[in-house]
Amino acid sequence: MHSVILDSYENRAVNVKSTEAQTQLRILANHLIVSNYLQDTSSEVINAELDMLANLYDGRVIVINDDLKVVKDTYNISQGKTIISEEVVNCLKTGSKGTVSKYDQANGYIEIVTPIIESEVIEEEDVSVSGKVSEVVRGVLLTSVSTETIAVTLDILSRRAQILEILIILIILLFAAWVSIMLLRPFDRITTAINDVKAGYTDEPIVGPNYLETEQIINAFNALLRRMKVLDDSRQEFVSNVSHELKTPITSMKVLADSLLAQEDVPNEVYREFMTDIGAEIDREDKIINDLLALVKMDKKAAGLTITSVDVVNLTEVVLKRMRPIARKHNIELTLESKRAITAEIDEVKISLVIMNLVENAIKYNKDEGWVRVELDADHQYFYVKVIDSGYGIPEDSLEQIYERFYRVDKSRSREIGGTGLGLAIARNAVLMHRGTIDVKSVVDEGTTFTVKLPLRNG
């Protein structure tokens, strides 16, 4: 802005000064013709005009005749000498068209070449022909006009502009500092809130003004806080559930054992019945412990995957072969539908555990004479395992919780069929380790569909 404004002023001032000087020089040229100064330079009036004009513009005026001889030089240096200059020669040839004004910024002057023109009226048979006037160039005025006043004004304007710029910069810096302080206040409050949460003083979400700069941070932190709270609640619930689940079989065994000890001469049939019940409780305890160990192993970040190239169709057939006795026991029809051969890079043990848990749940939570269908399909990037059943279904409000450890939709039915509430948690963890997804759709009393999506290639 500084440069543009000063350059604009300089160009304007030079143009105005050039125009003004050219006007004065044209008037002076007319006086030179009228007083026949080019032939007789003794006119004091003209000499005074020339000196006055030179002093007015703090410059130099040179009068040159049509023979390129210097008739008058206000500096009295080149008088009587011959000047051969392109601009002067051109001006003598072309007249008014040869008027030139050149600005020499480095040396601080404007050079103006002005023709001294005598107008002649063309006469024919002593009768003047109106409108026919010819220009006769009698000489040239070569003038140097000082631009020192323009330079001084530019210097003054530049200093004022610099002062103004410094003031503007200070104002901008003060405004920026004020804005920064105002913008940092919400961040300070966020930092304080985070430190309070870290110290354990509170677990309440941050509520703040909806500044664009902080809104996303506040939302992200509140989401993280909610997630931490859910995890903490889940951990406490998990510990409580583990304690309860492990304690229940032990309590049953204790009651059965105390009953046996309290009786004398216990018949073999009763003794066998009690020991069968104790064995069942031990099997239940063992299943819970094994499922818990499987979950712990999957939760460890260090627990890697043993990736091999596996025929998914053959793997699923092997799992279903193991599950068919359980299906027949519950009169459930178990079928497999594969649309194509599928080979994937997976951990065979963990994926077989996923399929087994989903199929086992579909069988156990099914209706009499029901059915379970396993569908396999793949595209160029993923393969899909669908486990569809005709069972009792899952209520919509429970769909978000079915992957939680020890969560049961129907606790009475789960205890009746011996479920631990860990199967879906194990399946979900195994799928996530493969960077896959597991989705569920269910309608109460109509059935449930689990869809597992896994990449064909690891990494």
Protein backbone atom coordinates (compact mmCIF):
# COMPACT_ATOMS: atom_id res chain seq x y z
CA MET A 1 0.00 0.00 0.00
CA HIS A 2 2.87 2.33 0.89
CA SER A 3 4.63 1.79 -2.44
CA VAL A 4 1.46 1.88 -4.54
CA ILE A 5 0.24 5.15 -3.02
CA LEU A 6 3.62 6.89 -3.28
CA ASP A 7 4.18 5.69 -6.86
CA SER A 8 0.70 6.89 -7.80
CA TYR A 9 1.35 10.30 -6.25
CA GLU A 10 4.75 10.58 -7.96
CA ASN A 11 3.32 9.76 -11.41
CA ARG A 12 0.47 12.21 -10.91
CA ALA A 13 2.76 15.02 -9.68
CA VAL A 14 5.20 14.53 -12.59
CA ASN A 15 2.35 14.58 -15.13
CA VAL A 16 0.89 17.75 -13.62
CA LYS A 17 4.27 19.48 -13.55
CA SER A 18 5.07 18.40 -17.11
CA THR A 19 1.71 19.66 -18.39
CA GLU A 20 2.10 22.96 -16.54
CA ALA A 21 5.66 23.47 -17.83
CA GLN A 22 4.67 22.63 -21.43
CA THR A 23 1.90 25.23 -21.27
CA GLN A 24 4.36 27.87 -20.08
CA LEU A 25 6.90 26.85 -22.73
CA ARG A 26 4.35 27.08 -25.57
CA ILE A 27 3.49 30.62 -24.45
CA LEU A 28 7.20 31.45 -24.29
CA ALA A 29 7.74 29.98 -27.78
CA ASN A 30 5.05 32.29 -29.17
CA HIS A 31 6.78 35.27 -27.53
CA LEU A 32 10.07 34.21 -29.12
CA ILE A 33 8.47 34.20 -32.58
CA VAL A 34 6.69 37.52 -32.06
CA SER A 35 9.85 39.27 -30.84
CA ASN A 36 12.04 37.62 -33.50
CA TYR A 37 14.30 36.44 -30.68
CA LEU A 38 15.97 33.71 -32.74
CA GLN A 39 17.58 36.41 -34.93
CA ASP A 40 18.12 39.00 -32.19
CA THR A 41 18.71 37.86 -28.60
CA SER A 42 19.06 41.31 -27.17
CA SER A 43 15.45 41.56 -25.95
CA GLU A 44 15.63 42.11 -22.22
CA VAL A 45 11.99 41.18 -21.80
CA ILE A 46 12.46 37.77 -23.39
CA ASN A 47 15.71 37.17 -21.54
CA ALA A 48 13.93 38.06 -18.30
CA GLU A 49 11.12 35.62 -19.17
CA LEU A 50 13.63 32.87 -19.87
CA ASP A 51 15.46 33.46 -16.59
CA MET A 52 12.21 33.69 -14.66
CA LEU A 53 10.96 30.41 -16.16
CA ALA A 54 14.29 28.71 -15.37
CA ASN A 55 14.15 30.00 -11.79
CA LEU A 56 10.47 29.07 -11.46
CA TYR A 57 11.15 25.43 -12.25
CA ASP A 58 14.62 25.44 -10.70
CA GLY A 59 15.92 24.21 -14.03
CA ARG A 60 17.56 25.20 -17.30
CA VAL A 61 16.16 26.57 -20.56
CA ILE A 62 18.07 26.25 -23.84
CA VAL A 63 16.84 27.97 -27.00
CA ILE A 64 17.96 26.23 -30.20
CA ASN A 65 17.39 27.56 -33.72
CA ASP A 66 16.68 25.50 -36.85
CA ASP A 67 20.44 25.19 -37.52
CA LEU A 68 20.86 23.33 -34.18
CA LYS A 69 22.76 26.32 -32.75
CA VAL A 70 22.22 27.27 -29.12
CA VAL A 71 20.87 30.81 -29.18
CA LYS A 72 20.33 31.12 -25.44
CA ASP A 73 21.31 29.04 -22.41
CA THR A 74 20.16 30.20 -18.99
CA TYR A 75 23.22 28.50 -17.53
CA ASN A 76 25.47 30.38 -20.04
CA ILE A 77 27.41 27.16 -20.69
CA SER A 78 26.41 25.93 -24.16
CA GLN A 79 25.60 29.27 -25.80
CA GLY A 80 26.82 29.35 -29.42
CA LYS A 81 27.41 25.60 -29.51
CA THR A 82 25.73 23.06 -31.75
CA ILE A 83 23.46 20.43 -30.21
CA ILE A 84 22.81 17.20 -32.04
CA SER A 85 20.13 15.31 -30.13
CA GLU A 86 17.63 12.78 -31.43
CA GLU A 87 14.76 14.46 -29.62
CA VAL A 88 15.76 17.95 -30.90
CA VAL A 89 16.20 16.81 -34.51
CA ASN A 90 12.92 14.92 -34.42
CA CYS A 91 11.13 17.94 -32.98
CA LEU A 92 12.51 20.18 -35.76
CA LYS A 93 11.20 17.70 -38.33
CA THR A 94 7.77 16.94 -36.92
CA GLY A 95 6.82 20.14 -35.11
CA SER A 96 4.07 19.72 -32.51
CA LYS A 97 4.21 15.95 -32.87
CA GLY A 98 7.80 16.03 -31.71
CA THR A 99 6.95 17.45 -28.27
CA VAL A 100 8.61 15.16 -25.74
CA SER A 101 8.49 14.97 -21.95
CA LYS A 102 10.85 12.48 -20.24
CA TYR A 103 11.14 11.93 -16.49
CA ASP A 104 14.58 11.03 -15.17
CA GLN A 105 13.85 9.73 -11.69
CA ALA A 106 17.47 8.93 -10.86
CA ASN A 107 18.71 12.48 -11.49
CA GLY A 108 15.52 14.20 -10.37
CA TYR A 109 14.46 16.26 -13.39
CA ILE A 110 11.99 16.30 -16.30
CA GLU A 111 13.38 16.95 -19.77
CA ILE A 112 10.91 18.73 -22.09
CA VAL A 113 11.43 19.33 -25.80
CA THR A 114 9.06 22.02 -27.16
CA PRO A 115 8.99 23.27 -30.79
CA ILE A 116 9.11 27.00 -31.57
CA ILE A 117 6.47 27.22 -34.31
CA GLU A 118 5.58 30.05 -36.65
CA SER A 119 2.19 29.70 -38.30
CA GLU A 120 1.88 30.87 -41.92
CA VAL A 121 -1.34 31.45 -43.85
CA ILE A 122 -1.23 30.15 -47.42
CA GLU A 123 -2.30 32.91 -49.87
CA GLU A 124 -3.57 32.44 -53.43
CA GLU A 125 -3.96 35.41 -55.84
CA ASP A 126 -3.76 37.76 -52.87
CA VAL A 127 -6.81 36.14 -51.33
CA SER A 128 -6.35 34.30 -48.03
CA VAL A 129 -7.61 30.77 -48.12
CA SER A 130 -9.38 30.20 -44.82
CA GLY A 131 -8.35 27.14 -42.82
CA LYS A 132 -5.14 26.37 -44.63
CA VAL A 133 -2.36 27.06 -42.11
CA SER A 134 1.08 25.49 -42.22
CA GLU A 135 3.51 25.09 -39.30
CA VAL A 136 7.04 26.30 -39.78
CA VAL A 137 9.44 25.13 -37.06
CA ARG A 138 11.88 27.90 -36.32
CA GLY A 139 13.61 26.29 -33.39
CA VAL A 140 13.35 24.20 -30.22
CA LEU A 141 13.14 24.89 -26.49
CA LEU A 142 15.11 22.24 -24.55
CA THR A 143 14.10 22.56 -20.91
CA SER A 144 15.10 20.75 -17.72
CA VAL A 145 12.54 21.00 -14.90
CA SER A 146 13.68 20.06 -11.41
CA THR A 147 11.53 17.55 -9.47
CA GLU A 148 13.14 18.29 -6.13
CA THR A 149 9.85 19.54 -4.67
CA ILE A 150 8.19 16.26 -5.68
CA ALA A 151 11.04 14.29 -4.06
CA VAL A 152 10.74 16.35 -0.87
CA THR A 153 6.98 15.80 -0.77
CA LEU A 154 7.49 12.06 -1.37
CA ASP A 155 9.99 11.95 1.48
CA ILE A 156 7.54 13.68 3.82
CA LEU A 157 4.70 11.42 2.73
CA SER A 158 6.94 8.35 3.15
CA ARG A 159 7.86 9.31 6.71
CA ARG A 160 4.24 9.97 7.59
CA ALA A 161 3.23 6.70 5.99
CA GLN A 162 5.88 4.87 8.01
CA ILE A 163 4.60 6.45 11.23
CA LEU A 164 1.07 5.45 10.24
CA GLU A 165 2.24 1.93 9.38
CA ILE A 166 3.95 1.59 12.76
CA LEU A 167 0.75 2.75 14.49
CA ILE A 168 -1.33 0.30 12.44
CA ILE A 169 1.10 -2.55 13.22
CA LEU A 170 0.97 -1.72 16.92
CA ILE A 171 -2.82 -1.63 16.83
CA ILE A 172 -2.90 -4.96 14.97
CA LEU A 173 -0.47 -6.52 17.45
CA LEU A 174 -2.49 -5.27 20.41
CA PHE A 175 -5.70 -6.50 18.81
CA ALA A 176 -4.07 -9.87 18.00
CA ALA A 177 -2.82 -10.17 21.58
CA TRP A 178 -6.30 -9.37 22.92
CA VAL A 179 -7.94 -11.83 20.54
CA SER A 180 -5.35 -14.49 21.45
CA ILE A 181 -6.05 -14.02 25.15
CA MET A 182 -9.80 -14.24 24.54
CA LEU A 183 -9.40 -17.34 22.38
CA LEU A 184 -7.05 -19.03 24.86
CA ARG A 185 -9.45 -18.67 27.78
CA PRO A 186 -11.63 -21.61 26.66
CA PHE A 187 -8.47 -23.70 26.17
CA ASP A 188 -7.34 -22.82 29.68
CA ARG A 189 -10.73 -23.89 30.98
CA ILE A 190 -10.50 -27.14 29.00
CA THR A 191 -7.01 -27.77 30.40
CA THR A 192 -8.27 -27.15 33.93
CA ALA A 193 -11.21 -29.51 33.39
CA ILE A 194 -8.90 -32.22 31.98
CA ASN A 195 -6.57 -31.85 34.97
CA ASP A 196 -9.56 -32.13 37.34
CA VAL A 197 -10.66 -35.33 35.62
CA LYS A 198 -7.09 -36.67 35.70
CA ALA A 199 -6.84 -35.90 39.41
CA GLY A 200 -10.16 -37.64 40.02
CA TYR A 201 -12.02 -34.60 41.32
CA THR A 202 -14.85 -34.92 38.80
CA ASP A 203 -16.08 -36.95 35.87
CA GLU A 204 -18.61 -34.43 34.59
CA PRO A 205 -18.48 -33.38 30.89
CA ILE A 206 -17.15 -29.94 29.94
CA VAL A 207 -19.79 -27.32 29.16
CA GLY A 208 -18.46 -24.25 27.35
CA PRO A 209 -19.27 -21.59 24.77
CA ASN A 210 -19.65 -22.87 21.26
CA TYR A 211 -16.48 -21.37 19.84
CA LEU A 212 -15.53 -22.99 16.57
CA GLU A 213 -11.96 -23.39 17.83
CA THR A 214 -12.98 -25.31 20.95
CA GLU A 215 -16.26 -26.96 20.08
CA GLN A 216 -14.67 -29.97 18.40
CA ILE A 217 -12.11 -30.39 21.19
CA ILE A 218 -14.84 -30.21 23.85
CA ASN A 219 -17.02 -32.68 21.95
CA ALA A 220 -14.09 -35.07 21.46
CA PHE A 221 -13.09 -34.83 25.14
CA ASN A 222 -16.67 -35.35 26.33
CA ALA A 223 -16.97 -38.37 24.04
CA LEU A 224 -13.70 -39.72 25.47
CA LEU A 225 -14.97 -39.03 28.99
CA ARG A 226 -18.19 -40.90 28.27
CA ARG A 227 -16.19 -43.77 26.83
CA MET A 228 -13.95 -43.86 29.90
CA LYS A 229 -16.99 -43.82 32.15
CA VAL A 230 -18.56 -46.67 30.19
CA LEU A 231 -15.31 -48.64 30.40
CA ASP A 232 -15.02 -47.97 34.13
CA ASP A 233 -18.65 -48.99 34.72
CA SER A 234 -18.11 -52.01 32.49
CA ARG A 235 -14.96 -52.96 34.43
CA GLN A 236 -16.77 -52.71 37.76
CA GLU A 237 -19.72 -54.66 36.39
CA PHE A 238 -17.34 -57.20 34.90
CA VAL A 239 -15.61 -57.77 38.25
CA SER A 240 -19.01 -58.07 39.94
CA ASN A 241 -20.27 -60.51 37.28
CA VAL A 242 -17.10 -62.59 37.40
CA SER A 243 -17.37 -62.83 41.18
CA HIS A 244 -21.03 -63.80 40.91
CA GLU A 245 -20.55 -66.27 38.06
CA LEU A 246 -17.62 -68.00 39.75
CA LYS A 247 -19.28 -67.98 43.14
CA THR A 248 -22.58 -69.53 41.98
CA PRO A 249 -21.19 -72.99 41.00
CA ILE A 250 -19.00 -73.04 44.12
CA THR A 251 -22.03 -72.26 46.28
CA SER A 252 -24.03 -75.03 44.54
CA MET A 253 -21.20 -77.51 45.10
CA LYS A 254 -20.92 -76.43 48.74
CA VAL A 255 -24.66 -76.93 49.29
CA LEU A 256 -24.59 -80.35 47.60
CA ALA A 257 -21.52 -81.46 49.55
CA ASP A 258 -23.00 -80.23 52.86
CA SER A 259 -26.22 -82.10 52.08
CA LEU A 260 -24.26 -85.30 51.56
CA LEU A 261 -22.27 -84.82 54.76
CA ALA A 262 -25.39 -84.06 56.77
CA GLN A 263 -26.99 -87.38 55.82
CA GLU A 264 -26.00 -90.78 57.18
CA ASP A 265 -26.14 -93.96 55.14
CA VAL A 266 -26.75 -92.07 51.90
CA PRO A 267 -28.11 -94.41 49.20
CA ASN A 268 -25.91 -94.90 46.18
CA GLU A 269 -28.57 -93.43 43.89
CA VAL A 270 -28.72 -90.17 45.87
CA TYR A 271 -24.93 -90.11 46.18
CA ARG A 272 -24.58 -90.58 42.40
CA GLU A 273 -27.20 -87.89 41.70
CA PHE A 274 -25.45 -85.38 43.96
CA MET A 275 -22.03 -86.16 42.46
CA THR A 276 -23.49 -85.77 38.95
CA ASP A 277 -24.75 -82.32 39.91
CA ILE A 278 -21.39 -81.43 41.44
CA GLY A 279 -19.66 -82.57 38.22
CA ALA A 280 -22.00 -80.40 36.15
CA GLU A 281 -21.18 -77.39 38.33
CA ILE A 282 -17.45 -78.10 37.94
CA ASP A 283 -17.89 -78.27 34.14
CA ARG A 284 -19.75 -74.96 34.28
CA GLU A 285 -16.97 -73.41 36.37
CA ASP A 286 -14.37 -74.75 33.95
CA LYS A 287 -16.20 -73.29 30.93
CA ILE A 288 -16.43 -69.87 32.57
CA ILE A 289 -12.72 -69.89 33.43
CA ASN A 290 -11.74 -71.01 29.91
CA ASP A 291 -13.88 -68.31 28.32
CA LEU A 292 -12.38 -65.70 30.63
CA LEU A 293 -8.86 -66.85 29.72
CA ALA A 294 -9.74 -66.63 26.02
CA LEU A 295 -10.97 -63.06 26.48
CA VAL A 296 -7.86 -62.06 28.43
CA LYS A 297 -5.61 -63.45 25.69
CA MET A 298 -7.52 -61.53 23.01
CA ASP A 299 -7.43 -58.31 25.04
CA LYS A 300 -3.65 -58.35 25.25
CA LYS A 301 -2.11 -56.15 22.59
CA ALA A 302 0.88 -58.44 22.45
CA ALA A 303 -1.31 -61.36 21.48
CA GLY A 304 -0.72 -61.68 17.77
CA LEU A 305 -2.55 -63.64 15.10
CA THR A 306 -1.25 -66.85 13.60
CA ILE A 307 -2.07 -66.06 10.00
CA THR A 308 -2.28 -68.86 7.46
CA SER A 309 -4.05 -69.37 4.16
CA VAL A 310 -7.30 -71.15 5.07
CA ASP A 311 -10.12 -72.70 3.05
CA VAL A 312 -13.03 -70.93 4.76
CA VAL A 313 -15.67 -73.28 3.35
CA ASN A 314 -13.84 -76.36 4.65
CA LEU A 315 -13.24 -74.66 8.03
CA THR A 316 -16.95 -73.87 8.38
CA GLU A 317 -17.90 -77.47 7.46
CA VAL A 318 -15.59 -78.80 10.19
CA VAL A 319 -17.16 -76.45 12.77
CA LEU A 320 -20.71 -77.39 11.73
CA LYS A 321 -19.81 -81.08 11.90
CA ARG A 322 -18.89 -80.54 15.56
CA MET A 323 -22.12 -78.63 16.21
CA ARG A 324 -24.54 -81.07 14.52
CA PRO A 325 -24.90 -83.40 17.58
CA ILE A 326 -26.00 -80.37 19.65
CA ALA A 327 -28.39 -79.34 16.83
CA ARG A 328 -29.91 -82.83 16.63
CA LYS A 329 -30.34 -82.84 20.40
CA HIS A 330 -32.50 -79.70 20.07
CA ASN A 331 -34.19 -80.88 16.84
CA ILE A 332 -32.60 -78.00 14.91
CA GLU A 333 -31.88 -78.27 11.19
CA LEU A 334 -28.31 -77.03 10.54
CA THR A 335 -27.34 -76.22 6.92
CA LEU A 336 -24.44 -74.57 5.04
CA GLU A 337 -24.74 -72.58 1.82
CA SER A 338 -21.58 -71.43 0.03
CA LYS A 339 -21.80 -69.39 -3.16
CA ARG A 340 -18.14 -69.88 -4.13
CA ALA A 341 -14.82 -71.30 -2.96
CA ILE A 342 -13.15 -68.93 -0.46
CA THR A 343 -9.52 -68.85 0.59
CA ALA A 344 -8.47 -66.20 3.12
CA GLU A 345 -5.45 -65.27 5.24
CA ILE A 346 -6.82 -65.62 8.78
CA ASP A 347 -6.12 -67.11 12.20
CA GLU A 348 -7.86 -70.46 11.80
CA VAL A 349 -8.36 -71.10 15.53
CA LYS A 350 -9.88 -67.70 16.29
CA ILE A 351 -12.22 -67.63 13.26
CA SER A 352 -13.40 -71.17 14.01
CA LEU A 353 -14.15 -69.90 17.54
CA VAL A 354 -16.21 -67.04 16.03
CA ILE A 355 -18.27 -69.36 13.84
CA MET A 356 -18.69 -71.91 16.64
CA ASN A 357 -19.95 -69.33 19.16
CA LEU A 358 -22.43 -67.80 16.68
CA VAL A 359 -23.77 -71.20 15.58
CA GLU A 360 -23.93 -72.49 19.16
CA ASN A 361 -25.97 -69.45 20.24
CA ALA A 362 -28.24 -69.83 17.20
CA ILE A 363 -28.90 -73.45 18.20
CA LYS A 364 -29.35 -72.88 21.92
CA TYR A 365 -31.62 -69.86 21.61
CA ASN A 366 -33.85 -71.43 18.97
CA LYS A 367 -37.34 -72.83 18.90
CA ASP A 368 -38.16 -76.53 18.76
CA GLU A 369 -38.04 -77.89 15.21
CA GLY A 370 -36.27 -74.67 14.20
CA TRP A 371 -33.43 -74.16 11.73
CA VAL A 372 -30.02 -72.51 11.49
CA ARG A 373 -28.47 -71.58 8.14
CA VAL A 374 -24.85 -70.54 7.59
CA GLU A 375 -24.15 -68.63 4.37
CA LEU A 376 -20.69 -67.93 2.92
CA ASP A 377 -19.89 -65.40 0.22
CA ALA A 378 -16.99 -63.19 -0.90
CA ASP A 379 -16.04 -60.33 -3.19
CA HIS A 380 -12.63 -59.14 -4.38
CA GLN A 381 -11.66 -57.77 -0.94
CA TYR A 382 -13.77 -59.36 1.85
CA PHE A 383 -15.53 -62.60 2.69
CA TYR A 384 -18.82 -62.79 4.59
CA VAL A 385 -20.19 -65.29 7.10
CA LYS A 386 -23.91 -65.08 7.84
CA VAL A 387 -25.50 -67.09 10.66
CA ILE A 388 -29.31 -66.98 10.32
CA ASP A 389 -31.71 -68.66 12.73
CA SER A 390 -35.44 -68.99 13.37
CA GLY A 391 -35.07 -68.41 17.10
CA TYR A 392 -36.58 -66.14 19.71
CA GLY A 393 -34.86 -63.00 18.44
CA ILE A 394 -33.29 -60.15 20.39
CA PRO A 395 -35.24 -57.09 21.59
CA GLU A 396 -34.14 -53.88 19.91
CA ASP A 397 -33.10 -52.24 23.21
CA SER A 398 -30.67 -55.10 23.86
CA LEU A 399 -28.87 -55.10 20.50
CA GLU A 400 -26.23 -52.59 21.67
CA GLN A 401 -25.40 -54.64 24.79
CA ILE A 402 -25.17 -58.20 23.52
CA TYR A 403 -21.38 -57.97 23.11
CA GLU A 404 -20.85 -56.97 26.75
CA ARG A 405 -19.31 -59.61 28.95
CA PHE A 406 -21.83 -61.67 30.96
CA TYR A 407 -24.77 -59.81 29.38
CA ARG A 408 -27.79 -62.04 28.82
CA VAL A 409 -31.00 -61.10 27.03
CA ASP A 410 -32.98 -63.75 28.95
CA LYS A 411 -31.07 -64.67 32.11
CA SER A 412 -33.39 -67.51 33.13
CA ARG A 413 -33.08 -69.22 29.73
CA SER A 414 -29.30 -68.64 29.65
CA ARG A 415 -28.80 -70.33 33.02
CA GLU A 416 -31.10 -73.14 31.99
CA ILE A 417 -29.03 -73.93 28.88
CA GLY A 418 -25.68 -73.25 30.59
CA GLY A 419 -24.54 -70.09 28.81
CA THR A 420 -21.79 -67.96 30.34
CA GLY A 421 -22.59 -64.69 28.55
CA LEU A 422 -19.05 -64.51 27.12
CA GLY A 423 -19.47 -66.13 23.69
CA LEU A 424 -20.37 -62.99 21.72
CA ALA A 425 -17.67 -60.95 23.49
CA ILE A 426 -15.09 -63.56 22.44
CA ALA A 427 -16.42 -63.60 18.86
CA ARG A 428 -16.39 -59.80 18.57
CA ASN A 429 -12.83 -59.53 19.91
CA ALA A 430 -11.59 -62.13 17.42
CA VAL A 431 -13.29 -60.30 14.52
CA LEU A 432 -11.80 -56.95 15.58
CA MET A 433 -8.32 -58.50 15.77
CA HIS A 434 -8.74 -59.36 12.07
CA ARG A 435 -9.86 -55.74 11.36
CA GLY A 436 -13.31 -56.99 10.47
CA THR A 437 -16.86 -56.12 11.51
CA ILE A 438 -19.76 -58.01 13.06
CA ASP A 439 -23.36 -56.81 12.67
CA VAL A 440 -26.68 -58.14 13.92
CA LYS A 441 -30.27 -57.81 12.77
CA SER A 442 -33.07 -59.36 14.77
CA VAL A 443 -36.85 -59.47 15.05
CA VAL A 444 -38.42 -60.84 18.24
CA ASP A 445 -40.05 -64.28 17.72
CA GLU A 446 -38.87 -64.34 14.08
CA GLY A 447 -35.12 -64.87 14.26
CA THR A 448 -31.68 -63.29 14.21
CA THR A 449 -28.99 -62.76 11.56
CA PHE A 450 -25.33 -62.20 12.44
CA THR A 451 -23.09 -60.98 9.60
CA VAL A 452 -19.30 -61.19 9.93
CA LYS A 453 -17.20 -59.29 7.37
CA LEU A 454 -13.49 -60.13 7.22
CA PRO A 455 -10.68 -59.15 4.81
CA LEU A 456 -9.41 -61.87 2.50
CA ARG A 457 -5.80 -60.76 3.00
CA ASN A 458 -4.16 -59.81 6.25
CA GLY A 459 -2.64 -56.28 6.27
